[in-house]
Amino acid sequence: MRLPADIPVLELGGSHVSAALVDPVAGVIRPGTHRRMPVAPQGDAREIVDSVAGCAALLPTAASAWGIALPGPFDYATGVAWYRGVGKFDALYGMDLGRALRGTLGERMTAAAFVNDAHSFLLGEAAVGAAAGHRRAVGITLGTGVGSAFLRDGRLVCSGPLVPSEGRVDLLRVDGRPLEDTISSRAIVQRFTALAGPKAAAAVEGVREVAEQARAGSGPARAVLGEAFEALGRALGPWIVGFGASVLVVGGSITGAWDLIADPFTRGLRTAGPPLPEVRQAANPRDAALVGAAMVAPVAARGHLRTP
């Protein structure tokens, strides 16, 4: 019996691109194939495309349909990027990324299926991670912003009364303001600067440095993280309860501060009342989005998202 071929996948993050071959039977990264390269989020379009294609070219694969996970704003059906004012990839605005990658990689990429990175993250965690065995699951990714996904019986739910508009937590409001004005890397650094002053904030570029200062005893740093993640819990809690999720999986770079954010986040969730889900960190934080991207690649293989 002929075994299914490995599936090539890419994940484009805020400052990196990863590539791997996924075993479609086991739902895991084929050992020795994971590759990661930096990407300049403020680079020009050619620089960004060449970085992504360069990482893809490191995989030992022939002509294939690819699964590609990346953040929005992006038209996943057509492969066109609409990044503007989000702190990354502005140079790709209006670009047909599938066509650009196909032009660089040639016959190595016969087609591409694009998927939101938070969606692919939860699909991967449901396949072989922290959401495995749960009929209803919610996933959030915490990085430069907040990504989200709602999964019911293995299918993504992006509309209807049980989820926020488009299934996007980042569109919610908290305390009268857009959620990401409170819970994003940008917002946390700005709030820390306002409380601690420019001298204390001089060496702070993101949440990691705020967390380091909190661990070193900084009261403003602890206050900023506590307020932000309790607010996230309050905003998310009613949707978690309404959706009937039995697990909430949390991933993304900000989970490196989990020791500081777990308690205020859970405290905020509790304001929605029971039944609350089990809250878990991602079991496969490096690989989940890549595995999830492999699950959409068969769409490309059927020609739905061919990139001529």
C-alpha atoms as a PDB file:
ATOM      1  CA  MET A   1       0.000   0.000   0.000  1.00  0.00           C
ATOM      2  CA  ARG A   2       1.324   3.414  -0.964  1.00  0.00           C
ATOM      3  CA  LEU A   3       1.838   5.708   2.016  1.00  0.00           C
ATOM      4  CA  PRO A   4       0.759   9.367   1.846  1.00  0.00           C
ATOM      5  CA  ALA A   5       3.550  11.748   0.951  1.00  0.00           C
ATOM      6  CA  ASP A   6       4.835  14.201   3.528  1.00  0.00           C
ATOM      7  CA  ILE A   7       3.147  17.611   3.329  1.00  0.00           C
ATOM      8  CA  PRO A   8       5.327  20.750   3.090  1.00  0.00           C
ATOM      9  CA  VAL A   9       4.181  23.645   5.243  1.00  0.00           C
ATOM     10  CA  LEU A  10       5.197  27.182   6.148  1.00  0.00           C
ATOM     11  CA  GLU A  11       4.392  29.420   9.093  1.00  0.00           C
ATOM     12  CA  LEU A  12       5.051  33.155   8.799  1.00  0.00           C
ATOM     13  CA  GLY A  13       5.300  34.923  12.154  1.00  0.00           C
ATOM     14  CA  GLY A  14       5.989  38.518  13.074  1.00  0.00           C
ATOM     15  CA  SER A  15       9.769  38.179  12.772  1.00  0.00           C
ATOM     16  CA  HIS A  16      10.422  34.647  11.524  1.00  0.00           C
ATOM     17  CA  VAL A  17       9.366  32.011   9.040  1.00  0.00           C
ATOM     18  CA  SER A  18       9.331  28.274   9.752  1.00  0.00           C
ATOM     19  CA  ALA A  19       9.104  25.374   7.329  1.00  0.00           C
ATOM     20  CA  ALA A  20       8.741  21.638   7.813  1.00  0.00           C
ATOM     21  CA  LEU A  21       7.483  18.410   6.337  1.00  0.00           C
ATOM     22  CA  VAL A  22       4.478  16.957   8.156  1.00  0.00           C
ATOM     23  CA  ASP A  23       3.689  13.257   8.376  1.00  0.00           C
ATOM     24  CA  PRO A  24      -0.040  13.295   7.488  1.00  0.00           C
ATOM     25  CA  VAL A  25      -0.746   9.979   9.224  1.00  0.00           C
ATOM     26  CA  ALA A  26       0.806  10.769  12.604  1.00  0.00           C
ATOM     27  CA  GLY A  27       0.189  14.520  12.362  1.00  0.00           C
ATOM     28  CA  VAL A  28       3.738  15.352  13.454  1.00  0.00           C
ATOM     29  CA  ILE A  29       6.781  17.091  12.031  1.00  0.00           C
ATOM     30  CA  ARG A  30       9.031  14.683  10.161  1.00  0.00           C
ATOM     31  CA  PRO A  31      12.221  14.484  12.268  1.00  0.00           C
ATOM     32  CA  GLY A  32      15.070  16.603  10.984  1.00  0.00           C
ATOM     33  CA  THR A  33      12.984  18.742   8.617  1.00  0.00           C
ATOM     34  CA  HIS A  34      12.098  21.744  10.789  1.00  0.00           C
ATOM     35  CA  ARG A  35      13.693  24.955   9.498  1.00  0.00           C
ATOM     36  CA  ARG A  36      13.461  28.510  10.871  1.00  0.00           C
ATOM     37  CA  MET A  37      14.790  31.779   9.482  1.00  0.00           C
ATOM     38  CA  PRO A  38      14.430  35.440  10.459  1.00  0.00           C
ATOM     39  CA  VAL A  39      12.162  37.767   8.478  1.00  0.00           C
ATOM     40  CA  ALA A  40      12.436  41.558   8.562  1.00  0.00           C
ATOM     41  CA  PRO A  41       8.856  42.685   9.314  1.00  0.00           C
ATOM     42  CA  GLN A  42       9.654  46.201   8.060  1.00  0.00           C
ATOM     43  CA  GLY A  43      11.590  44.999   5.022  1.00  0.00           C
ATOM     44  CA  ASP A  44      10.589  45.632   1.436  1.00  0.00           C
ATOM     45  CA  ALA A  45       8.337  43.187  -0.385  1.00  0.00           C
ATOM     46  CA  ARG A  46      11.137  41.434  -2.272  1.00  0.00           C
ATOM     47  CA  GLU A  47      13.133  40.950   0.908  1.00  0.00           C
ATOM     48  CA  ILE A  48      10.179  39.393   2.735  1.00  0.00           C
ATOM     49  CA  VAL A  49       9.211  37.095  -0.150  1.00  0.00           C
ATOM     50  CA  ASP A  50      12.814  35.980  -0.627  1.00  0.00           C
ATOM     51  CA  SER A  51      13.096  35.143   3.101  1.00  0.00           C
ATOM     52  CA  VAL A  52       9.924  33.037   3.039  1.00  0.00           C
ATOM     53  CA  ALA A  53      10.842  31.303  -0.210  1.00  0.00           C
ATOM     54  CA  GLY A  54      14.408  30.778   0.994  1.00  0.00           C
ATOM     55  CA  CYS A  55      13.185  28.927   4.062  1.00  0.00           C
ATOM     56  CA  ALA A  56      10.802  26.861   1.927  1.00  0.00           C
ATOM     57  CA  ALA A  57      13.613  25.933  -0.426  1.00  0.00           C
ATOM     58  CA  LEU A  58      15.492  24.281   2.451  1.00  0.00           C
ATOM     59  CA  LEU A  59      12.954  21.451   2.560  1.00  0.00           C
ATOM     60  CA  PRO A  60      13.764  18.271   0.630  1.00  0.00           C
ATOM     61  CA  THR A  61      10.537  18.199  -1.368  1.00  0.00           C
ATOM     62  CA  ALA A  62       9.567  18.032  -5.018  1.00  0.00           C
ATOM     63  CA  ALA A  63       6.444  19.510  -6.655  1.00  0.00           C
ATOM     64  CA  SER A  64       3.811  19.825  -3.951  1.00  0.00           C
ATOM     65  CA  ALA A  65       0.733  21.608  -2.692  1.00  0.00           C
ATOM     66  CA  TRP A  66       1.690  23.599   0.409  1.00  0.00           C
ATOM     67  CA  GLY A  67      -0.138  24.662   3.547  1.00  0.00           C
ATOM     68  CA  ILE A  68       0.816  28.163   4.699  1.00  0.00           C
ATOM     69  CA  ALA A  69      -0.141  29.642   8.087  1.00  0.00           C
ATOM     70  CA  LEU A  70       0.166  33.391   8.610  1.00  0.00           C
ATOM     71  CA  PRO A  71      -1.518  36.227  10.496  1.00  0.00           C
ATOM     72  CA  GLY A  72      -4.111  38.652   9.207  1.00  0.00           C
ATOM     73  CA  PRO A  73      -5.204  40.953   7.795  1.00  0.00           C
ATOM     74  CA  PHE A  74      -4.989  38.589   4.833  1.00  0.00           C
ATOM     75  CA  ASP A  75      -7.459  37.280   2.250  1.00  0.00           C
ATOM     76  CA  TYR A  76      -6.963  33.562   2.810  1.00  0.00           C
ATOM     77  CA  ALA A  77      -9.172  32.571  -0.122  1.00  0.00           C
ATOM     78  CA  THR A  78      -7.208  34.537  -2.736  1.00  0.00           C
ATOM     79  CA  GLY A  79      -3.777  34.719  -1.126  1.00  0.00           C
ATOM     80  CA  VAL A  80      -3.651  38.525  -1.120  1.00  0.00           C
ATOM     81  CA  ALA A  81      -2.013  40.348   1.808  1.00  0.00           C
ATOM     82  CA  TRP A  82      -3.659  43.411   3.352  1.00  0.00           C
ATOM     83  CA  TYR A  83      -1.170  44.336   6.084  1.00  0.00           C
ATOM     84  CA  ARG A  84      -1.281  47.992   7.023  1.00  0.00           C
ATOM     85  CA  GLY A  85      -0.770  49.716  10.346  1.00  0.00           C
ATOM     86  CA  VAL A  86      -0.223  46.461  12.272  1.00  0.00           C
ATOM     87  CA  GLY A  87       3.514  46.839  12.774  1.00  0.00           C
ATOM     88  CA  LYS A  88       4.620  44.251  10.220  1.00  0.00           C
ATOM     89  CA  PHE A  89       4.666  43.396   6.521  1.00  0.00           C
ATOM     90  CA  ASP A  90       3.229  46.710   5.293  1.00  0.00           C
ATOM     91  CA  ALA A  91       5.295  46.264   2.130  1.00  0.00           C
ATOM     92  CA  LEU A  92       3.127  43.277   1.149  1.00  0.00           C
ATOM     93  CA  TYR A  93      -0.083  45.355   1.039  1.00  0.00           C
ATOM     94  CA  GLY A  94      -2.154  44.285  -1.978  1.00  0.00           C
ATOM     95  CA  MET A  95       0.331  41.584  -3.033  1.00  0.00           C
ATOM     96  CA  ASP A  96      -0.797  38.172  -4.273  1.00  0.00           C
ATOM     97  CA  LEU A  97       1.596  36.297  -2.016  1.00  0.00           C
ATOM     98  CA  GLY A  98       0.776  32.911  -3.498  1.00  0.00           C
ATOM     99  CA  ARG A  99       1.726  34.102  -6.968  1.00  0.00           C
ATOM    100  CA  ALA A 100       4.899  35.727  -5.636  1.00  0.00           C
ATOM    101  CA  LEU A 101       6.018  32.558  -3.860  1.00  0.00           C
ATOM    102  CA  ARG A 102       5.145  30.414  -6.858  1.00  0.00           C
ATOM    103  CA  GLY A 103       7.194  32.715  -9.069  1.00  0.00           C
ATOM    104  CA  THR A 104      10.205  32.289  -6.795  1.00  0.00           C
ATOM    105  CA  LEU A 105       9.889  28.576  -5.994  1.00  0.00           C
ATOM    106  CA  GLY A 106       8.737  27.468  -9.435  1.00  0.00           C
ATOM    107  CA  GLU A 107       7.437  23.915  -9.742  1.00  0.00           C
ATOM    108  CA  ARG A 108       8.318  23.086  -6.128  1.00  0.00           C
ATOM    109  CA  MET A 109       5.048  24.818  -5.167  1.00  0.00           C
ATOM    110  CA  THR A 110       2.237  23.640  -7.413  1.00  0.00           C
ATOM    111  CA  ALA A 111      -0.463  25.214  -5.221  1.00  0.00           C
ATOM    112  CA  ALA A 112      -0.871  26.902  -1.846  1.00  0.00           C
ATOM    113  CA  ALA A 113      -3.652  26.903   0.722  1.00  0.00           C
ATOM    114  CA  PHE A 114      -3.475  29.765   3.210  1.00  0.00           C
ATOM    115  CA  VAL A 115      -4.864  29.591   6.741  1.00  0.00           C
ATOM    116  CA  ASN A 116      -4.961  32.014   9.659  1.00  0.00           C
ATOM    117  CA  ASP A 117      -2.124  31.181  12.039  1.00  0.00           C
ATOM    118  CA  ALA A 118      -4.392  31.073  15.115  1.00  0.00           C
ATOM    119  CA  HIS A 119      -6.711  28.679  13.278  1.00  0.00           C
ATOM    120  CA  SER A 120      -3.840  26.412  12.273  1.00  0.00           C
ATOM    121  CA  PHE A 121      -2.505  26.558  15.829  1.00  0.00           C
ATOM    122  CA  LEU A 122      -5.760  25.226  17.279  1.00  0.00           C
ATOM    123  CA  LEU A 123      -6.160  22.636  14.516  1.00  0.00           C
ATOM    124  CA  GLY A 124      -2.685  21.345  15.346  1.00  0.00           C
ATOM    125  CA  GLU A 125      -3.349  21.306  19.094  1.00  0.00           C
ATOM    126  CA  ALA A 126      -6.623  19.452  18.470  1.00  0.00           C
ATOM    127  CA  ALA A 127      -4.843  16.870  16.328  1.00  0.00           C
ATOM    128  CA  VAL A 128      -1.973  15.980  18.656  1.00  0.00           C
ATOM    129  CA  GLY A 129      -1.872  18.512  21.467  1.00  0.00           C
ATOM    130  CA  ALA A 130      -3.664  20.131  24.363  1.00  0.00           C
ATOM    131  CA  ALA A 131      -7.094  20.166  22.680  1.00  0.00           C
ATOM    132  CA  ALA A 132      -7.031  16.519  21.568  1.00  0.00           C
ATOM    133  CA  GLY A 133     -10.234  14.686  22.503  1.00  0.00           C
ATOM    134  CA  HIS A 134     -12.272  17.848  23.125  1.00  0.00           C
ATOM    135  CA  ARG A 135     -15.403  18.365  21.029  1.00  0.00           C
ATOM    136  CA  ARG A 136     -15.451  22.127  21.652  1.00  0.00           C
ATOM    137  CA  ALA A 137     -12.201  24.031  22.072  1.00  0.00           C
ATOM    138  CA  VAL A 138     -11.005  27.609  21.931  1.00  0.00           C
ATOM    139  CA  GLY A 139      -7.458  28.676  21.177  1.00  0.00           C
ATOM    140  CA  ILE A 140      -5.795  32.052  21.566  1.00  0.00           C
ATOM    141  CA  THR A 141      -2.337  33.157  20.491  1.00  0.00           C
ATOM    142  CA  LEU A 142      -0.667  36.034  22.307  1.00  0.00           C
ATOM    143  CA  GLY A 143       2.065  37.902  20.479  1.00  0.00           C
ATOM    144  CA  THR A 144       2.095  41.292  18.820  1.00  0.00           C
ATOM    145  CA  GLY A 145      -1.704  41.010  19.057  1.00  0.00           C
ATOM    146  CA  VAL A 146      -4.356  38.443  19.964  1.00  0.00           C
ATOM    147  CA  GLY A 147      -5.309  35.646  17.584  1.00  0.00           C
ATOM    148  CA  SER A 148      -8.229  33.305  18.211  1.00  0.00           C
ATOM    149  CA  ALA A 149      -9.988  30.199  16.957  1.00  0.00           C
ATOM    150  CA  PHE A 150     -13.150  28.317  17.916  1.00  0.00           C
ATOM    151  CA  LEU A 151     -13.364  24.608  17.075  1.00  0.00           C
ATOM    152  CA  ARG A 152     -16.466  22.403  17.227  1.00  0.00           C
ATOM    153  CA  ASP A 153     -16.292  18.717  16.308  1.00  0.00           C
ATOM    154  CA  GLY A 154     -13.094  19.301  14.364  1.00  0.00           C
ATOM    155  CA  ARG A 155     -14.430  22.248  12.350  1.00  0.00           C
ATOM    156  CA  LEU A 156     -13.591  25.909  12.714  1.00  0.00           C
ATOM    157  CA  VAL A 157     -16.515  28.160  13.668  1.00  0.00           C
ATOM    158  CA  CYS A 158     -16.112  31.697  12.343  1.00  0.00           C
ATOM    159  CA  SER A 159     -19.683  32.973  12.376  1.00  0.00           C
ATOM    160  CA  GLY A 160     -22.911  32.691  14.309  1.00  0.00           C
ATOM    161  CA  PRO A 161     -24.180  33.803  17.704  1.00  0.00           C
ATOM    162  CA  LEU A 162     -21.766  31.665  19.734  1.00  0.00           C
ATOM    163  CA  VAL A 163     -18.567  33.388  18.554  1.00  0.00           C
ATOM    164  CA  PRO A 164     -17.417  37.005  18.175  1.00  0.00           C
ATOM    165  CA  SER A 165     -17.656  38.610  14.745  1.00  0.00           C
ATOM    166  CA  GLU A 166     -15.614  36.500  12.297  1.00  0.00           C
ATOM    167  CA  GLY A 167     -14.564  34.386  15.287  1.00  0.00           C
ATOM    168  CA  ARG A 168     -12.054  37.126  16.133  1.00  0.00           C
ATOM    169  CA  VAL A 169     -11.385  37.988  19.760  1.00  0.00           C
ATOM    170  CA  ASP A 170      -9.252  40.938  18.649  1.00  0.00           C
ATOM    171  CA  LEU A 171     -12.425  42.703  17.468  1.00  0.00           C
ATOM    172  CA  LEU A 172     -13.870  42.721  20.997  1.00  0.00           C
ATOM    173  CA  ARG A 173     -13.890  45.791  23.206  1.00  0.00           C
ATOM    174  CA  VAL A 174     -12.978  45.986  26.876  1.00  0.00           C
ATOM    175  CA  ASP A 175     -13.613  48.963  29.151  1.00  0.00           C
ATOM    176  CA  GLY A 176     -14.937  50.832  26.118  1.00  0.00           C
ATOM    177  CA  ARG A 177     -11.796  50.421  24.034  1.00  0.00           C
ATOM    178  CA  PRO A 178     -10.629  47.962  21.355  1.00  0.00           C
ATOM    179  CA  LEU A 179      -9.195  44.891  23.089  1.00  0.00           C
ATOM    180  CA  GLU A 180      -5.755  45.289  21.516  1.00  0.00           C
ATOM    181  CA  ASP A 181      -5.462  48.764  23.033  1.00  0.00           C
ATOM    182  CA  THR A 182      -5.118  46.869  26.321  1.00  0.00           C
ATOM    183  CA  ILE A 183      -3.733  43.452  25.477  1.00  0.00           C
ATOM    184  CA  SER A 184      -1.015  43.613  22.833  1.00  0.00           C
ATOM    185  CA  SER A 185       2.735  43.957  22.995  1.00  0.00           C
ATOM    186  CA  ARG A 186       2.432  47.586  21.890  1.00  0.00           C
ATOM    187  CA  ALA A 187      -0.209  48.434  24.502  1.00  0.00           C
ATOM    188  CA  ILE A 188       1.633  46.716  27.364  1.00  0.00           C
ATOM    189  CA  VAL A 189       4.889  48.546  26.611  1.00  0.00           C
ATOM    190  CA  GLN A 190       3.076  51.880  26.339  1.00  0.00           C
ATOM    191  CA  ARG A 191       1.293  51.344  29.643  1.00  0.00           C
ATOM    192  CA  PHE A 192       4.517  50.294  31.367  1.00  0.00           C
ATOM    193  CA  THR A 193       6.265  53.425  30.074  1.00  0.00           C
ATOM    194  CA  ALA A 194       3.441  55.603  31.415  1.00  0.00           C
ATOM    195  CA  LEU A 195       3.645  54.012  34.878  1.00  0.00           C
ATOM    196  CA  ALA A 196       7.371  53.451  35.264  1.00  0.00           C
ATOM    197  CA  GLY A 197       8.693  56.414  33.326  1.00  0.00           C
ATOM    198  CA  PRO A 198      10.952  56.605  30.284  1.00  0.00           C
ATOM    199  CA  LYS A 199      14.132  55.778  32.215  1.00  0.00           C
ATOM    200  CA  ALA A 200      12.794  52.420  33.449  1.00  0.00           C
ATOM    201  CA  ALA A 201      11.299  51.707  30.043  1.00  0.00           C
ATOM    202  CA  ALA A 202      14.431  52.549  28.062  1.00  0.00           C
ATOM    203  CA  ALA A 203      15.524  48.920  27.755  1.00  0.00           C
ATOM    204  CA  VAL A 204      11.994  47.558  27.179  1.00  0.00           C
ATOM    205  CA  GLU A 205      11.126  46.487  23.638  1.00  0.00           C
ATOM    206  CA  GLY A 206       8.326  44.023  24.308  1.00  0.00           C
ATOM    207  CA  VAL A 207       6.490  41.919  26.849  1.00  0.00           C
ATOM    208  CA  ARG A 208       9.524  39.735  27.524  1.00  0.00           C
ATOM    209  CA  GLU A 209      11.419  42.691  29.007  1.00  0.00           C
ATOM    210  CA  VAL A 210       8.363  43.827  30.985  1.00  0.00           C
ATOM    211  CA  ALA A 211       8.140  40.297  32.400  1.00  0.00           C
ATOM    212  CA  GLU A 212      11.842  40.344  33.308  1.00  0.00           C
ATOM    213  CA  GLN A 213      11.329  43.564  35.240  1.00  0.00           C
ATOM    214  CA  ALA A 214       8.270  42.102  36.974  1.00  0.00           C
ATOM    215  CA  ARG A 215      10.302  39.075  38.093  1.00  0.00           C
ATOM    216  CA  ALA A 216      12.976  41.466  39.363  1.00  0.00           C
ATOM    217  CA  GLY A 217      10.410  43.132  41.607  1.00  0.00           C
ATOM    218  CA  SER A 218       9.072  46.012  39.497  1.00  0.00           C
ATOM    219  CA  GLY A 219       5.643  47.013  40.820  1.00  0.00           C
ATOM    220  CA  PRO A 220       4.633  48.867  37.631  1.00  0.00           C
ATOM    221  CA  ALA A 221       5.571  45.841  35.508  1.00  0.00           C
ATOM    222  CA  ARG A 222       3.495  43.488  37.643  1.00  0.00           C
ATOM    223  CA  ALA A 223       0.588  45.923  37.653  1.00  0.00           C
ATOM    224  CA  VAL A 224       0.612  46.336  33.865  1.00  0.00           C
ATOM    225  CA  LEU A 225       0.672  42.588  33.203  1.00  0.00           C
ATOM    226  CA  GLY A 226      -1.989  41.892  35.814  1.00  0.00           C
ATOM    227  CA  GLU A 227      -4.363  44.554  34.497  1.00  0.00           C
ATOM    228  CA  ALA A 228      -3.910  43.547  30.867  1.00  0.00           C
ATOM    229  CA  PHE A 229      -4.463  39.832  31.323  1.00  0.00           C
ATOM    230  CA  GLU A 230      -7.320  40.179  33.751  1.00  0.00           C
ATOM    231  CA  ALA A 231      -8.987  42.403  31.137  1.00  0.00           C
ATOM    232  CA  LEU A 232      -8.383  39.737  28.491  1.00  0.00           C
ATOM    233  CA  GLY A 233     -10.021  37.138  30.725  1.00  0.00           C
ATOM    234  CA  ARG A 234     -13.047  39.371  31.322  1.00  0.00           C
ATOM    235  CA  ALA A 235     -13.478  39.995  27.602  1.00  0.00           C
ATOM    236  CA  LEU A 236     -13.035  36.359  26.595  1.00  0.00           C
ATOM    237  CA  GLY A 237     -14.918  34.641  29.437  1.00  0.00           C
ATOM    238  CA  PRO A 238     -18.532  35.159  28.247  1.00  0.00           C
ATOM    239  CA  TRP A 239     -17.677  33.812  24.787  1.00  0.00           C
ATOM    240  CA  ILE A 240     -15.921  30.765  26.230  1.00  0.00           C
ATOM    241  CA  VAL A 241     -18.928  29.951  28.402  1.00  0.00           C
ATOM    242  CA  GLY A 242     -21.408  30.632  25.599  1.00  0.00           C
ATOM    243  CA  PHE A 243     -19.526  28.447  23.154  1.00  0.00           C
ATOM    244  CA  GLY A 244     -19.463  25.591  25.634  1.00  0.00           C
ATOM    245  CA  ALA A 245     -15.727  24.991  25.292  1.00  0.00           C
ATOM    246  CA  SER A 246     -14.251  22.336  27.554  1.00  0.00           C
ATOM    247  CA  VAL A 247     -10.677  23.526  26.972  1.00  0.00           C
ATOM    248  CA  LEU A 248      -8.956  26.833  26.273  1.00  0.00           C
ATOM    249  CA  VAL A 249      -5.480  26.465  24.770  1.00  0.00           C
ATOM    250  CA  VAL A 250      -3.092  29.402  25.019  1.00  0.00           C
ATOM    251  CA  GLY A 251      -0.045  29.847  22.799  1.00  0.00           C
ATOM    252  CA  GLY A 252       2.175  32.541  21.357  1.00  0.00           C
ATOM    253  CA  SER A 253       5.352  34.271  22.450  1.00  0.00           C
ATOM    254  CA  ILE A 254       3.764  36.065  25.423  1.00  0.00           C
ATOM    255  CA  THR A 255       3.156  32.717  27.145  1.00  0.00           C
ATOM    256  CA  GLY A 256       6.834  32.928  28.079  1.00  0.00           C
ATOM    257  CA  ALA A 257       5.450  35.089  30.913  1.00  0.00           C
ATOM    258  CA  TRP A 258       2.878  32.465  31.941  1.00  0.00           C
ATOM    259  CA  ASP A 259       4.104  32.468  35.543  1.00  0.00           C
ATOM    260  CA  LEU A 260       3.050  36.121  35.738  1.00  0.00           C
ATOM    261  CA  ILE A 261      -0.095  36.178  33.601  1.00  0.00           C
ATOM    262  CA  ALA A 262      -1.884  32.886  34.371  1.00  0.00           C
ATOM    263  CA  ASP A 263      -3.437  34.009  37.665  1.00  0.00           C
ATOM    264  CA  PRO A 264      -4.846  37.379  36.497  1.00  0.00           C
ATOM    265  CA  PHE A 265      -6.033  35.811  33.244  1.00  0.00           C
ATOM    266  CA  THR A 266      -7.880  33.041  35.097  1.00  0.00           C
ATOM    267  CA  ARG A 267      -9.287  35.585  37.544  1.00  0.00           C
ATOM    268  CA  GLY A 268     -10.730  37.536  34.647  1.00  0.00           C
ATOM    269  CA  LEU A 269     -12.212  34.393  33.087  1.00  0.00           C
ATOM    270  CA  ARG A 270     -13.993  33.550  36.347  1.00  0.00           C
ATOM    271  CA  THR A 271     -16.083  36.724  36.145  1.00  0.00           C
ATOM    272  CA  ALA A 272     -18.135  34.987  33.430  1.00  0.00           C
ATOM    273  CA  GLY A 273     -19.203  32.326  35.923  1.00  0.00           C
ATOM    274  CA  PRO A 274     -19.289  28.550  35.441  1.00  0.00           C
ATOM    275  CA  PRO A 275     -18.845  26.333  33.598  1.00  0.00           C
ATOM    276  CA  LEU A 276     -15.327  27.441  32.784  1.00  0.00           C
ATOM    277  CA  PRO A 277     -13.052  25.305  30.630  1.00  0.00           C
ATOM    278  CA  GLU A 278      -9.745  23.763  31.513  1.00  0.00           C
ATOM    279  CA  VAL A 279      -7.037  26.316  30.681  1.00  0.00           C
ATOM    280  CA  ARG A 280      -3.912  24.786  29.141  1.00  0.00           C
ATOM    281  CA  GLN A 281      -0.733  26.058  27.621  1.00  0.00           C
ATOM    282  CA  ALA A 282      -0.011  24.689  24.170  1.00  0.00           C
ATOM    283  CA  ALA A 283       1.448  21.199  24.215  1.00  0.00           C
ATOM    284  CA  ASN A 284       3.293  21.796  20.919  1.00  0.00           C
ATOM    285  CA  PRO A 285       3.986  25.543  20.795  1.00  0.00           C
ATOM    286  CA  ARG A 286       6.639  25.244  18.093  1.00  0.00           C
ATOM    287  CA  ASP A 287       4.868  22.764  15.821  1.00  0.00           C
ATOM    288  CA  ALA A 288       1.102  23.188  16.274  1.00  0.00           C
ATOM    289  CA  ALA A 289       0.591  25.816  13.565  1.00  0.00           C
ATOM    290  CA  LEU A 290       2.718  23.829  11.114  1.00  0.00           C
ATOM    291  CA  VAL A 291       0.691  20.665  11.748  1.00  0.00           C
ATOM    292  CA  GLY A 292      -2.521  22.664  11.374  1.00  0.00           C
ATOM    293  CA  ALA A 293      -1.297  24.140   8.090  1.00  0.00           C
ATOM    294  CA  ALA A 294      -0.805  20.601   6.765  1.00  0.00           C
ATOM    295  CA  MET A 295      -4.491  19.958   7.386  1.00  0.00           C
ATOM    296  CA  VAL A 296      -5.472  22.639   4.838  1.00  0.00           C
ATOM    297  CA  ALA A 297      -2.963  21.596   2.170  1.00  0.00           C
ATOM    298  CA  PRO A 298      -5.366  19.038   0.598  1.00  0.00           C
ATOM    299  CA  VAL A 299      -7.556  22.009  -0.388  1.00  0.00           C
ATOM    300  CA  ALA A 300      -4.667  23.285  -2.484  1.00  0.00           C
ATOM    301  CA  ALA A 301      -4.106  19.817  -3.927  1.00  0.00           C
ATOM    302  CA  ARG A 302      -7.674  19.894  -5.280  1.00  0.00           C
ATOM    303  CA  GLY A 303      -6.808  23.105  -7.070  1.00  0.00           C
ATOM    304  CA  HIS A 304      -9.005  25.433  -5.057  1.00  0.00           C
ATOM    305  CA  LEU A 305      -6.159  27.818  -4.350  1.00  0.00           C
ATOM    306  CA  ARG A 306      -3.830  27.221  -7.262  1.00  0.00           C
ATOM    307  CA  THR A 307      -1.237  29.933  -7.778  1.00  0.00           C
ATOM    308  CA  PRO A 308      -0.476  30.214 -11.503  1.00  0.00           C
END
